[in-house]
């Protein structure tokens, strides 16, 4: 499966989509020192999933990303009440 990219409807930034807890979730595509999620492509299920990596389990050089909700200036516009 090819990774799925798009653009945020709020701020226009590039995002990468992955399943988190069974739902589509936007992530910033570039690795971040503040990142806590590893995006894993599951070819057997034809999808990309996000796995939270606890700080004590992180490895040097591991590609970790951050949820776009943490960086988007318009994130509040997407919150459900």
Protein backbone atom coordinates (compact mmCIF):
# COMPACT_ATOMS: atom_id res chain seq x y z
CA UNK A 1 0.00 0.00 0.00
CA UNK A 2 1.22 3.45 -0.82
CA UNK A 3 1.29 5.90 2.00
CA UNK A 4 -1.67 8.28 1.90
CA UNK A 5 -0.95 12.01 1.91
CA UNK A 6 -3.24 15.01 1.74
CA UNK A 7 -3.57 18.58 2.95
CA UNK A 8 -5.19 19.86 6.13
CA UNK A 9 -8.53 21.55 5.47
CA UNK A 10 -7.79 24.00 8.27
CA UNK A 11 -4.24 25.24 7.69
CA UNK A 12 -3.31 23.70 4.32
CA UNK A 13 -0.23 21.85 5.62
CA UNK A 14 0.71 18.49 4.13
CA UNK A 15 -0.49 15.58 6.29
CA UNK A 16 -0.13 11.82 6.24
CA UNK A 17 -3.12 9.64 7.08
CA UNK A 18 -2.89 6.52 9.23
CA UNK A 19 -5.28 4.45 11.34
CA UNK A 20 -5.15 5.20 15.07
CA UNK A 21 -7.51 3.21 17.28
CA UNK A 22 -9.34 2.10 14.14
CA UNK A 23 -10.01 5.62 12.83
CA UNK A 24 -8.27 7.74 10.19
CA UNK A 25 -5.96 10.25 11.89
CA UNK A 26 -3.75 13.01 10.42
CA UNK A 27 -0.03 13.14 11.20
CA UNK A 28 2.71 15.58 10.24
CA UNK A 29 4.71 13.63 7.63
CA UNK A 30 8.16 14.83 8.71
CA UNK A 31 9.89 13.15 11.66
CA UNK A 32 9.96 15.23 14.82
CA UNK A 33 12.03 15.15 18.01
CA UNK A 34 8.70 15.61 19.82
CA UNK A 35 7.12 12.73 17.90
CA UNK A 36 5.65 9.79 19.71
CA UNK A 37 4.09 7.75 16.90
CA UNK A 38 5.64 5.36 14.42
CA UNK A 39 3.73 4.87 11.18
CA UNK A 40 3.79 1.25 10.07
CA UNK A 41 2.61 -0.04 6.70
CA UNK A 42 0.69 -3.30 7.07
CA UNK A 43 0.75 -4.90 3.64
CA UNK A 44 -1.38 -7.81 4.86
CA UNK A 45 -4.19 -5.37 5.71
CA UNK A 46 -3.39 -2.82 2.98
CA UNK A 47 -3.22 0.12 5.36
CA UNK A 48 -0.89 2.28 7.43
CA UNK A 49 -1.36 2.29 11.19
CA UNK A 50 0.06 4.51 13.91
CA UNK A 51 1.68 2.93 16.93
CA UNK A 52 2.43 4.99 20.02
CA UNK A 53 6.00 4.40 21.19
CA UNK A 54 6.57 4.98 24.91
CA UNK A 55 9.67 7.15 25.56
CA UNK A 56 11.43 4.27 27.34
CA UNK A 57 11.01 2.07 24.22
CA UNK A 58 12.31 4.52 21.59
CA UNK A 59 15.39 3.60 19.57
CA UNK A 60 18.04 5.93 18.13
CA UNK A 61 17.21 6.83 14.54
CA UNK A 62 13.60 5.69 14.83
CA UNK A 63 11.29 7.73 12.55
CA UNK A 64 8.67 9.21 14.89
CA UNK A 65 6.00 11.69 13.92
CA UNK A 66 3.54 13.90 15.75
CA UNK A 67 -0.23 14.09 15.40
CA UNK A 68 -1.21 17.02 13.20
CA UNK A 69 -3.76 18.01 15.85
CA UNK A 70 -0.78 18.96 18.07
CA UNK A 71 0.66 21.38 15.51
CA UNK A 72 -2.32 22.69 13.52
CA UNK A 73 -3.30 26.27 14.38
CA UNK A 74 -6.89 25.38 13.41
CA UNK A 75 -7.13 22.12 15.43
CA UNK A 76 -9.95 23.46 17.63
CA UNK A 77 -12.14 23.76 14.53
CA UNK A 78 -12.09 19.96 14.18
CA UNK A 79 -12.83 18.98 17.78
CA UNK A 80 -16.12 17.20 18.35
CA UNK A 81 -18.12 18.14 21.40
